[in-house]
Amino acid sequence: MTEKRNINPGDVVAHFKRETLSEAEKSTNRYLYKIIGVAQHSETKEDMMIYMALYDDFGLYARPLEMFLSEVDKEKYPHIRQAYRFEKFEINEK
């Protein structure tokens, strides 16, 4: 678990760029990711968040944990309402 933000393996998160999608695109899983967990870089010992895209090729990604948990750069993206780069997202089951 990432103590700062309570993001756990299995959680689904949305990247802030999901806000830029059209209403039709928001019905897809674009910019949604499933958390795999936190791993340690074998050389630097830096904590890395491992996560999987829930769209396109379902790619597996690693990002430094500090960057993953960081706030959205409001100078670069002033129109974004989401506070953090990735935030928990509830998928509505139909």
PDB file of N, CA and C in Angstrom:
ATOM      1  N   MET A   1       0.844  -1.182   0.000  1.00  0.00           N
ATOM      2  CA  MET A   1       0.000   0.000   0.000  1.00  0.00           C
ATOM      3  C   MET A   1       0.885   1.240   0.000  1.00  0.00           C
ATOM      4  N   THR A   2       0.480   2.255  -0.730  1.00  0.00           N
ATOM      5  CA  THR A   2       1.184   3.528  -0.684  1.00  0.00           C
ATOM      6  C   THR A   2       0.523   4.361   0.403  1.00  0.00           C
ATOM      7  N   GLU A   3       1.228   4.509   1.499  1.00  0.00           N
ATOM      8  CA  GLU A   3       0.662   5.146   2.693  1.00  0.00           C
ATOM      9  C   GLU A   3       0.088   6.524   2.423  1.00  0.00           C
ATOM     10  N   LYS A   4       0.761   7.321   1.617  1.00  0.00           N
ATOM     11  CA  LYS A   4       0.329   8.694   1.383  1.00  0.00           C
ATOM     12  C   LYS A   4      -1.061   8.785   0.770  1.00  0.00           C
ATOM     13  N   ARG A   5      -1.409   7.856  -0.102  1.00  0.00           N
ATOM     14  CA  ARG A   5      -2.623   8.020  -0.889  1.00  0.00           C
ATOM     15  C   ARG A   5      -3.549   6.816  -0.842  1.00  0.00           C
ATOM     16  N   ASN A   6      -3.207   5.774  -0.098  1.00  0.00           N
ATOM     17  CA  ASN A   6      -4.058   4.593   0.043  1.00  0.00           C
ATOM     18  C   ASN A   6      -4.402   3.958  -1.300  1.00  0.00           C
ATOM     19  N   ILE A   7      -3.401   3.794  -2.150  1.00  0.00           N
ATOM     20  CA  ILE A   7      -3.556   3.107  -3.430  1.00  0.00           C
ATOM     21  C   ILE A   7      -2.957   1.715  -3.275  1.00  0.00           C
ATOM     22  N   ASN A   8      -3.761   0.697  -3.556  1.00  0.00           N
ATOM     23  CA  ASN A   8      -3.378  -0.689  -3.300  1.00  0.00           C
ATOM     24  C   ASN A   8      -3.404  -1.536  -4.564  1.00  0.00           C
ATOM     25  N   PRO A   9      -2.677  -2.667  -4.568  1.00  0.00           N
ATOM     26  CA  PRO A   9      -2.758  -3.584  -5.707  1.00  0.00           C
ATOM     27  C   PRO A   9      -4.214  -3.945  -5.993  1.00  0.00           C
ATOM     28  N   GLY A  10      -4.573  -3.937  -7.264  1.00  0.00           N
ATOM     29  CA  GLY A  10      -5.947  -4.226  -7.680  1.00  0.00           C
ATOM     30  C   GLY A  10      -6.800  -2.993  -7.878  1.00  0.00           C
ATOM     31  N   ASP A  11      -6.407  -1.867  -7.273  1.00  0.00           N
ATOM     32  CA  ASP A  11      -7.159  -0.625  -7.465  1.00  0.00           C
ATOM     33  C   ASP A  11      -7.065  -0.172  -8.905  1.00  0.00           C
ATOM     34  N   VAL A  12      -8.090   0.513  -9.379  1.00  0.00           N
ATOM     35  CA  VAL A  12      -8.076   1.150 -10.688  1.00  0.00           C
ATOM     36  C   VAL A  12      -7.874   2.645 -10.460  1.00  0.00           C
ATOM     37  N   VAL A  13      -6.982   3.217 -11.262  1.00  0.00           N
ATOM     38  CA  VAL A  13      -6.699   4.654 -11.170  1.00  0.00           C
ATOM     39  C   VAL A  13      -6.877   5.286 -12.541  1.00  0.00           C
ATOM     40  N   ALA A  14      -7.182   6.587 -12.523  1.00  0.00           N
ATOM     41  CA  ALA A  14      -7.312   7.362 -13.755  1.00  0.00           C
ATOM     42  C   ALA A  14      -6.171   8.355 -13.837  1.00  0.00           C
ATOM     43  N   HIS A  15      -5.550   8.442 -15.000  1.00  0.00           N
ATOM     44  CA  HIS A  15      -4.555   9.477 -15.271  1.00  0.00           C
ATOM     45  C   HIS A  15      -5.314  10.777 -15.504  1.00  0.00           C
ATOM     46  N   PHE A  16      -4.731  11.892 -15.106  1.00  0.00           N
ATOM     47  CA  PHE A  16      -5.432  13.174 -15.198  1.00  0.00           C
ATOM     48  C   PHE A  16      -5.847  13.524 -16.634  1.00  0.00           C
ATOM     49  N   LYS A  17      -5.166  12.997 -17.629  1.00  0.00           N
ATOM     50  CA  LYS A  17      -5.514  13.325 -19.018  1.00  0.00           C
ATOM     51  C   LYS A  17      -6.859  12.729 -19.432  1.00  0.00           C
ATOM     52  N   ARG A  18      -7.429  11.866 -18.594  1.00  0.00           N
ATOM     53  CA  ARG A  18      -8.765  11.339 -18.875  1.00  0.00           C
ATOM     54  C   ARG A  18      -9.769  12.484 -18.957  1.00  0.00           C
ATOM     55  N   GLU A  19      -9.513  13.559 -18.222  1.00  0.00           N
ATOM     56  CA  GLU A  19     -10.410  14.724 -18.266  1.00  0.00           C
ATOM     57  C   GLU A  19     -10.487  15.349 -19.650  1.00  0.00           C
ATOM     58  N   THR A  20      -9.504  15.132 -20.490  1.00  0.00           N
ATOM     59  CA  THR A  20      -9.468  15.757 -21.813  1.00  0.00           C
ATOM     60  C   THR A  20     -10.268  14.979 -22.848  1.00  0.00           C
ATOM     61  N   LEU A  21     -10.798  13.821 -22.486  1.00  0.00           N
ATOM     62  CA  LEU A  21     -11.552  12.990 -23.425  1.00  0.00           C
ATOM     63  C   LEU A  21     -12.939  13.564 -23.676  1.00  0.00           C
ATOM     64  N   SER A  22     -13.476  13.266 -24.845  1.00  0.00           N
ATOM     65  CA  SER A  22     -14.858  13.632 -25.152  1.00  0.00           C
ATOM     66  C   SER A  22     -15.785  12.762 -24.297  1.00  0.00           C
ATOM     67  N   GLU A  23     -17.043  13.129 -24.227  1.00  0.00           N
ATOM     68  CA  GLU A  23     -18.008  12.332 -23.453  1.00  0.00           C
ATOM     69  C   GLU A  23     -18.095  10.906 -23.992  1.00  0.00           C
ATOM     70  N   ALA A  24     -18.049  10.743 -25.311  1.00  0.00           N
ATOM     71  CA  ALA A  24     -18.102   9.400 -25.903  1.00  0.00           C
ATOM     72  C   ALA A  24     -16.875   8.590 -25.507  1.00  0.00           C
ATOM     73  N   GLU A  25     -15.702   9.224 -25.501  1.00  0.00           N
ATOM     74  CA  GLU A  25     -14.470   8.525 -25.139  1.00  0.00           C
ATOM     75  C   GLU A  25     -14.447   8.146 -23.661  1.00  0.00           C
ATOM     76  N   LYS A  26     -15.144   8.919 -22.827  1.00  0.00           N
ATOM     77  CA  LYS A  26     -15.177   8.621 -21.392  1.00  0.00           C
ATOM     78  C   LYS A  26     -15.935   7.339 -21.083  1.00  0.00           C
ATOM     79  N   SER A  27     -16.676   6.818 -22.055  1.00  0.00           N
ATOM     80  CA  SER A  27     -17.359   5.535 -21.843  1.00  0.00           C
ATOM     81  C   SER A  27     -16.407   4.359 -22.076  1.00  0.00           C
ATOM     82  N   THR A  28     -15.174   4.663 -22.481  1.00  0.00           N
ATOM     83  CA  THR A  28     -14.151   3.636 -22.679  1.00  0.00           C
ATOM     84  C   THR A  28     -13.241   3.582 -21.443  1.00  0.00           C
ATOM     85  N   ASN A  29     -12.255   2.707 -21.491  1.00  0.00           N
ATOM     86  CA  ASN A  29     -11.291   2.608 -20.390  1.00  0.00           C
ATOM     87  C   ASN A  29     -10.021   3.412 -20.652  1.00  0.00           C
ATOM     88  N   ARG A  30     -10.041   4.293 -21.634  1.00  0.00           N
ATOM     89  CA  ARG A  30      -8.864   5.105 -21.979  1.00  0.00           C
ATOM     90  C   ARG A  30      -8.366   5.843 -20.744  1.00  0.00           C
ATOM     91  N   TYR A  31      -7.068   5.814 -20.521  1.00  0.00           N
ATOM     92  CA  TYR A  31      -6.385   6.454 -19.389  1.00  0.00           C
ATOM     93  C   TYR A  31      -6.757   5.829 -18.039  1.00  0.00           C
ATOM     94  N   LEU A  32      -7.253   4.600 -18.047  1.00  0.00           N
ATOM     95  CA  LEU A  32      -7.493   3.868 -16.797  1.00  0.00           C
ATOM     96  C   LEU A  32      -6.450   2.771 -16.664  1.00  0.00           C
ATOM     97  N   TYR A  33      -6.005   2.544 -15.423  1.00  0.00           N
ATOM     98  CA  TYR A  33      -4.925   1.599 -15.154  1.00  0.00           C
ATOM     99  C   TYR A  33      -5.236   0.795 -13.901  1.00  0.00           C
ATOM    100  N   LYS A  34      -4.800  -0.457 -13.891  1.00  0.00           N
ATOM    101  CA  LYS A  34      -4.930  -1.314 -12.711  1.00  0.00           C
ATOM    102  C   LYS A  34      -3.572  -1.360 -12.018  1.00  0.00           C
ATOM    103  N   ILE A  35      -3.580  -1.145 -10.716  1.00  0.00           N
ATOM    104  CA  ILE A  35      -2.350  -1.157  -9.930  1.00  0.00           C
ATOM    105  C   ILE A  35      -1.901  -2.598  -9.707  1.00  0.00           C
ATOM    106  N   ILE A  36      -0.653  -2.876 -10.044  1.00  0.00           N
ATOM    107  CA  ILE A  36      -0.045  -4.180  -9.778  1.00  0.00           C
ATOM    108  C   ILE A  36       0.629  -4.142  -8.416  1.00  0.00           C
ATOM    109  N   GLY A  37       1.394  -3.098  -8.155  1.00  0.00           N
ATOM    110  CA  GLY A  37       2.033  -2.942  -6.855  1.00  0.00           C
ATOM    111  C   GLY A  37       3.297  -2.104  -6.961  1.00  0.00           C
ATOM    112  N   VAL A  38       3.975  -1.980  -5.847  1.00  0.00           N
ATOM    113  CA  VAL A  38       5.221  -1.215  -5.784  1.00  0.00           C
ATOM    114  C   VAL A  38       6.385  -2.200  -5.826  1.00  0.00           C
ATOM    115  N   ALA A  39       7.347  -1.923  -6.696  1.00  0.00           N
ATOM    116  CA  ALA A  39       8.562  -2.733  -6.819  1.00  0.00           C
ATOM    117  C   ALA A  39       9.760  -1.832  -6.554  1.00  0.00           C
ATOM    118  N   GLN A  40      10.889  -2.456  -6.305  1.00  0.00           N
ATOM    119  CA  GLN A  40      12.116  -1.703  -6.067  1.00  0.00           C
ATOM    120  C   GLN A  40      13.041  -1.879  -7.264  1.00  0.00           C
ATOM    121  N   HIS A  41      13.535  -0.758  -7.778  1.00  0.00           N
ATOM    122  CA  HIS A  41      14.489  -0.793  -8.888  1.00  0.00           C
ATOM    123  C   HIS A  41      15.716  -1.568  -8.435  1.00  0.00           C
ATOM    124  N   SER A  42      16.170  -2.508  -9.235  1.00  0.00           N
ATOM    125  CA  SER A  42      17.255  -3.404  -8.813  1.00  0.00           C
ATOM    126  C   SER A  42      18.599  -2.700  -8.665  1.00  0.00           C
ATOM    127  N   GLU A  43      18.816  -1.618  -9.376  1.00  0.00           N
ATOM    128  CA  GLU A  43      20.095  -0.909  -9.304  1.00  0.00           C
ATOM    129  C   GLU A  43      20.059   0.248  -8.316  1.00  0.00           C
ATOM    130  N   THR A  44      19.023   1.086  -8.422  1.00  0.00           N
ATOM    131  CA  THR A  44      18.985   2.322  -7.624  1.00  0.00           C
ATOM    132  C   THR A  44      18.236   2.169  -6.303  1.00  0.00           C
ATOM    133  N   LYS A  45      17.475   1.086  -6.170  1.00  0.00           N
ATOM    134  CA  LYS A  45      16.620   0.817  -5.002  1.00  0.00           C
ATOM    135  C   LYS A  45      15.439   1.780  -4.908  1.00  0.00           C
ATOM    136  N   GLU A  46      15.196   2.571  -5.962  1.00  0.00           N
ATOM    137  CA  GLU A  46      14.070   3.504  -5.988  1.00  0.00           C
ATOM    138  C   GLU A  46      12.758   2.719  -6.061  1.00  0.00           C
ATOM    139  N   ASP A  47      11.753   3.141  -5.312  1.00  0.00           N
ATOM    140  CA  ASP A  47      10.431   2.529  -5.385  1.00  0.00           C
ATOM    141  C   ASP A  47       9.776   2.913  -6.703  1.00  0.00           C
ATOM    142  N   MET A  48       9.201   1.908  -7.376  1.00  0.00           N
ATOM    143  CA  MET A  48       8.547   2.098  -8.666  1.00  0.00           C
ATOM    144  C   MET A  48       7.123   1.551  -8.582  1.00  0.00           C
ATOM    145  N   MET A  49       6.163   2.311  -9.104  1.00  0.00           N
ATOM    146  CA  MET A  49       4.789   1.814  -9.184  1.00  0.00           C
ATOM    147  C   MET A  49       4.671   1.014 -10.477  1.00  0.00           C
ATOM    148  N   ILE A  50       4.130  -0.176 -10.373  1.00  0.00           N
ATOM    149  CA  ILE A  50       3.892  -1.028 -11.527  1.00  0.00           C
ATOM    150  C   ILE A  50       2.382  -1.037 -11.770  1.00  0.00           C
ATOM    151  N   TYR A  51       1.987  -0.759 -13.013  1.00  0.00           N
ATOM    152  CA  TYR A  51       0.559  -0.677 -13.317  1.00  0.00           C
ATOM    153  C   TYR A  51       0.307  -1.098 -14.758  1.00  0.00           C
ATOM    154  N   MET A  52      -0.938  -1.518 -15.027  1.00  0.00           N
ATOM    155  CA  MET A  52      -1.299  -2.050 -16.335  1.00  0.00           C
ATOM    156  C   MET A  52      -2.429  -1.227 -16.942  1.00  0.00           C
ATOM    157  N   ALA A  53      -2.260  -0.860 -18.211  1.00  0.00           N
ATOM    158  CA  ALA A  53      -3.317  -0.151 -18.923  1.00  0.00           C
ATOM    159  C   ALA A  53      -4.545  -1.049 -19.056  1.00  0.00           C
ATOM    160  N   LEU A  54      -5.713  -0.457 -18.968  1.00  0.00           N
ATOM    161  CA  LEU A  54      -6.967  -1.192 -19.150  1.00  0.00           C
ATOM    162  C   LEU A  54      -7.566  -0.884 -20.520  1.00  0.00           C
ATOM    163  N   TYR A  55      -6.707  -0.540 -21.475  1.00  0.00           N
ATOM    164  CA  TYR A  55      -7.139  -0.220 -22.834  1.00  0.00           C
ATOM    165  C   TYR A  55      -6.014  -0.567 -23.809  1.00  0.00           C
ATOM    166  N   ASP A  56      -6.323  -0.492 -25.091  1.00  0.00           N
ATOM    167  CA  ASP A  56      -5.382  -0.773 -26.182  1.00  0.00           C
ATOM    168  C   ASP A  56      -4.673  -2.102 -25.968  1.00  0.00           C
ATOM    169  N   ASP A  57      -3.345  -2.071 -25.822  1.00  0.00           N
ATOM    170  CA  ASP A  57      -2.581  -3.320 -25.735  1.00  0.00           C
ATOM    171  C   ASP A  57      -2.415  -3.836 -24.304  1.00  0.00           C
ATOM    172  N   PHE A  58      -3.062  -3.195 -23.314  1.00  0.00           N
ATOM    173  CA  PHE A  58      -2.977  -3.597 -21.905  1.00  0.00           C
ATOM    174  C   PHE A  58      -1.524  -3.658 -21.448  1.00  0.00           C
ATOM    175  N   GLY A  59      -0.749  -2.653 -21.869  1.00  0.00           N
ATOM    176  CA  GLY A  59       0.669  -2.587 -21.544  1.00  0.00           C
ATOM    177  C   GLY A  59       0.934  -2.518 -20.051  1.00  0.00           C
ATOM    178  N   LEU A  60       2.089  -3.005 -19.663  1.00  0.00           N
ATOM    179  CA  LEU A  60       2.540  -2.983 -18.273  1.00  0.00           C
ATOM    180  C   LEU A  60       3.591  -1.880 -18.154  1.00  0.00           C
ATOM    181  N   TYR A  61       3.431  -1.001 -17.159  1.00  0.00           N
ATOM    182  CA  TYR A  61       4.291   0.169 -17.032  1.00  0.00           C
ATOM    183  C   TYR A  61       4.889   0.276 -15.639  1.00  0.00           C
ATOM    184  N   ALA A  62       6.024   0.953 -15.564  1.00  0.00           N
ATOM    185  CA  ALA A  62       6.678   1.269 -14.291  1.00  0.00           C
ATOM    186  C   ALA A  62       6.987   2.753 -14.286  1.00  0.00           C
ATOM    187  N   ARG A  63       6.734   3.399 -13.166  1.00  0.00           N
ATOM    188  CA  ARG A  63       7.001   4.822 -13.016  1.00  0.00           C
ATOM    189  C   ARG A  63       7.528   5.030 -11.608  1.00  0.00           C
ATOM    190  N   PRO A  64       8.506   5.908 -11.421  1.00  0.00           N
ATOM    191  CA  PRO A  64       8.960   6.184 -10.054  1.00  0.00           C
ATOM    192  C   PRO A  64       7.762   6.532  -9.165  1.00  0.00           C
ATOM    193  N   LEU A  65       7.715   5.925  -7.994  1.00  0.00           N
ATOM    194  CA  LEU A  65       6.580   6.106  -7.091  1.00  0.00           C
ATOM    195  C   LEU A  65       6.334   7.577  -6.782  1.00  0.00           C
ATOM    196  N   GLU A  66       7.402   8.319  -6.542  1.00  0.00           N
ATOM    197  CA  GLU A  66       7.245   9.740  -6.229  1.00  0.00           C
ATOM    198  C   GLU A  66       6.537  10.474  -7.373  1.00  0.00           C
ATOM    199  N   MET A  67       6.908  10.166  -8.602  1.00  0.00           N
ATOM    200  CA  MET A  67       6.271  10.789  -9.760  1.00  0.00           C
ATOM    201  C   MET A  67       4.824  10.316  -9.892  1.00  0.00           C
ATOM    202  N   PHE A  68       4.594   9.025  -9.680  1.00  0.00           N
ATOM    203  CA  PHE A  68       3.244   8.470  -9.782  1.00  0.00           C
ATOM    204  C   PHE A  68       2.295   9.179  -8.820  1.00  0.00           C
ATOM    205  N   LEU A  69       2.765   9.465  -7.620  1.00  0.00           N
ATOM    206  CA  LEU A  69       1.929  10.081  -6.586  1.00  0.00           C
ATOM    207  C   LEU A  69       1.898  11.601  -6.647  1.00  0.00           C
ATOM    208  N   SER A  70       2.614  12.189  -7.594  1.00  0.00           N
ATOM    209  CA  SER A  70       2.753  13.648  -7.618  1.00  0.00           C
ATOM    210  C   SER A  70       1.468  14.352  -8.043  1.00  0.00           C
ATOM    211  N   GLU A  71       1.432  15.632  -7.735  1.00  0.00           N
ATOM    212  CA  GLU A  71       0.304  16.482  -8.120  1.00  0.00           C
ATOM    213  C   GLU A  71       0.424  16.864  -9.593  1.00  0.00           C
ATOM    214  N   VAL A  72      -0.721  17.192 -10.188  1.00  0.00           N
ATOM    215  CA  VAL A  72      -0.743  17.679 -11.563  1.00  0.00           C
ATOM    216  C   VAL A  72      -0.052  19.038 -11.593  1.00  0.00           C
ATOM    217  N   ASP A  73       0.769  19.258 -12.604  1.00  0.00           N
ATOM    218  CA  ASP A  73       1.439  20.549 -12.805  1.00  0.00           C
ATOM    219  C   ASP A  73       0.389  21.544 -13.306  1.00  0.00           C
ATOM    220  N   LYS A  74      -0.116  22.384 -12.411  1.00  0.00           N
ATOM    221  CA  LYS A  74      -1.200  23.313 -12.744  1.00  0.00           C
ATOM    222  C   LYS A  74      -0.730  24.459 -13.629  1.00  0.00           C
ATOM    223  N   GLU A  75       0.564  24.711 -13.687  1.00  0.00           N
ATOM    224  CA  GLU A  75       1.064  25.722 -14.628  1.00  0.00           C
ATOM    225  C   GLU A  75       1.002  25.182 -16.050  1.00  0.00           C
ATOM    226  N   LYS A  76       1.356  23.928 -16.231  1.00  0.00           N
ATOM    227  CA  LYS A  76       1.345  23.306 -17.551  1.00  0.00           C
ATOM    228  C   LYS A  76      -0.065  22.891 -17.969  1.00  0.00           C
ATOM    229  N   TYR A  77      -0.883  22.467 -16.993  1.00  0.00           N
ATOM    230  CA  TYR A  77      -2.243  21.993 -17.252  1.00  0.00           C
ATOM    231  C   TYR A  77      -3.242  22.744 -16.360  1.00  0.00           C
ATOM    232  N   PRO A  78      -3.441  24.047 -16.585  1.00  0.00           N
ATOM    233  CA  PRO A  78      -4.293  24.845 -15.691  1.00  0.00           C
ATOM    234  C   PRO A  78      -5.774  24.453 -15.714  1.00  0.00           C
ATOM    235  N   HIS A  79      -6.231  23.812 -16.783  1.00  0.00           N
ATOM    236  CA  HIS A  79      -7.641  23.449 -16.929  1.00  0.00           C
ATOM    237  C   HIS A  79      -8.002  22.114 -16.261  1.00  0.00           C
ATOM    238  N   ILE A  80      -7.020  21.378 -15.793  1.00  0.00           N
ATOM    239  CA  ILE A  80      -7.276  20.063 -15.185  1.00  0.00           C
ATOM    240  C   ILE A  80      -7.772  20.243 -13.752  1.00  0.00           C
ATOM    241  N   ARG A  81      -8.883  19.567 -13.431  1.00  0.00           N
ATOM    242  CA  ARG A  81      -9.456  19.647 -12.075  1.00  0.00           C
ATOM    243  C   ARG A  81      -8.843  18.613 -11.126  1.00  0.00           C
ATOM    244  N   GLN A  82      -8.424  17.468 -11.680  1.00  0.00           N
ATOM    245  CA  GLN A  82      -7.855  16.407 -10.846  1.00  0.00           C
ATOM    246  C   GLN A  82      -6.606  16.928 -10.144  1.00  0.00           C
ATOM    247  N   ALA A  83      -6.477  16.643  -8.866  1.00  0.00           N
ATOM    248  CA  ALA A  83      -5.355  17.173  -8.078  1.00  0.00           C
ATOM    249  C   ALA A  83      -4.056  16.408  -8.323  1.00  0.00           C
ATOM    250  N   TYR A  84      -4.158  15.085  -8.500  1.00  0.00           N
ATOM    251  CA  TYR A  84      -2.967  14.251  -8.621  1.00  0.00           C
ATOM    252  C   TYR A  84      -2.868  13.627 -10.004  1.00  0.00           C
ATOM    253  N   ARG A  85      -1.650  13.286 -10.390  1.00  0.00           N
ATOM    254  CA  ARG A  85      -1.386  12.662 -11.691  1.00  0.00           C
ATOM    255  C   ARG A  85      -2.270  11.432 -11.881  1.00  0.00           C
ATOM    256  N   PHE A  86      -2.365  10.575 -10.868  1.00  0.00           N
ATOM    257  CA  PHE A  86      -3.228   9.397 -10.880  1.00  0.00           C
ATOM    258  C   PHE A  86      -4.109   9.434  -9.631  1.00  0.00           C
ATOM    259  N   GLU A  87      -5.396   9.161  -9.817  1.00  0.00           N
ATOM    260  CA  GLU A  87      -6.322   9.097  -8.684  1.00  0.00           C
ATOM    261  C   GLU A  87      -7.186   7.856  -8.816  1.00  0.00           C
ATOM    262  N   LYS A  88      -7.621   7.319  -7.667  1.00  0.00           N
ATOM    263  CA  LYS A  88      -8.488   6.148  -7.666  1.00  0.00           C
ATOM    264  C   LYS A  88      -9.742   6.431  -8.486  1.00  0.00           C
ATOM    265  N   PHE A  89     -10.216   5.380  -9.164  1.00  0.00           N
ATOM    266  CA  PHE A  89     -11.364   5.494 -10.056  1.00  0.00           C
ATOM    267  C   PHE A  89     -12.268   4.302  -9.807  1.00  0.00           C
ATOM    268  N   GLU A  90     -13.544   4.571  -9.661  1.00  0.00           N
ATOM    269  CA  GLU A  90     -14.520   3.492  -9.460  1.00  0.00           C
ATOM    270  C   GLU A  90     -15.146   3.139 -10.805  1.00  0.00           C
ATOM    271  N   ILE A  91     -14.995   1.890 -11.225  1.00  0.00           N
ATOM    272  CA  ILE A  91     -15.628   1.422 -12.452  1.00  0.00           C
ATOM    273  C   ILE A  91     -17.008   0.911 -12.100  1.00  0.00           C
ATOM    274  N   ASN A  92     -18.008   1.465 -12.767  1.00  0.00           N
ATOM    275  CA  ASN A  92     -19.389   1.038 -12.521  1.00  0.00           C
ATOM    276  C   ASN A  92     -19.648  -0.250 -13.264  1.00  0.00           C
ATOM    277  N   GLU A  93     -19.970  -1.311 -12.540  1.00  0.00           N
ATOM    278  CA  GLU A  93     -20.308  -2.594 -13.140  1.00  0.00           C
ATOM    279  C   GLU A  93     -21.773  -2.544 -13.573  1.00  0.00           C
ATOM    280  N   LYS A  94     -22.037  -3.018 -14.777  1.00  0.00           N
ATOM    281  CA  LYS A  94     -23.417  -2.991 -15.282  1.00  0.00           C
ATOM    282  C   LYS A  94     -24.014  -4.364 -15.279  1.00  0.00           C
TER     283      LYS A  94
END
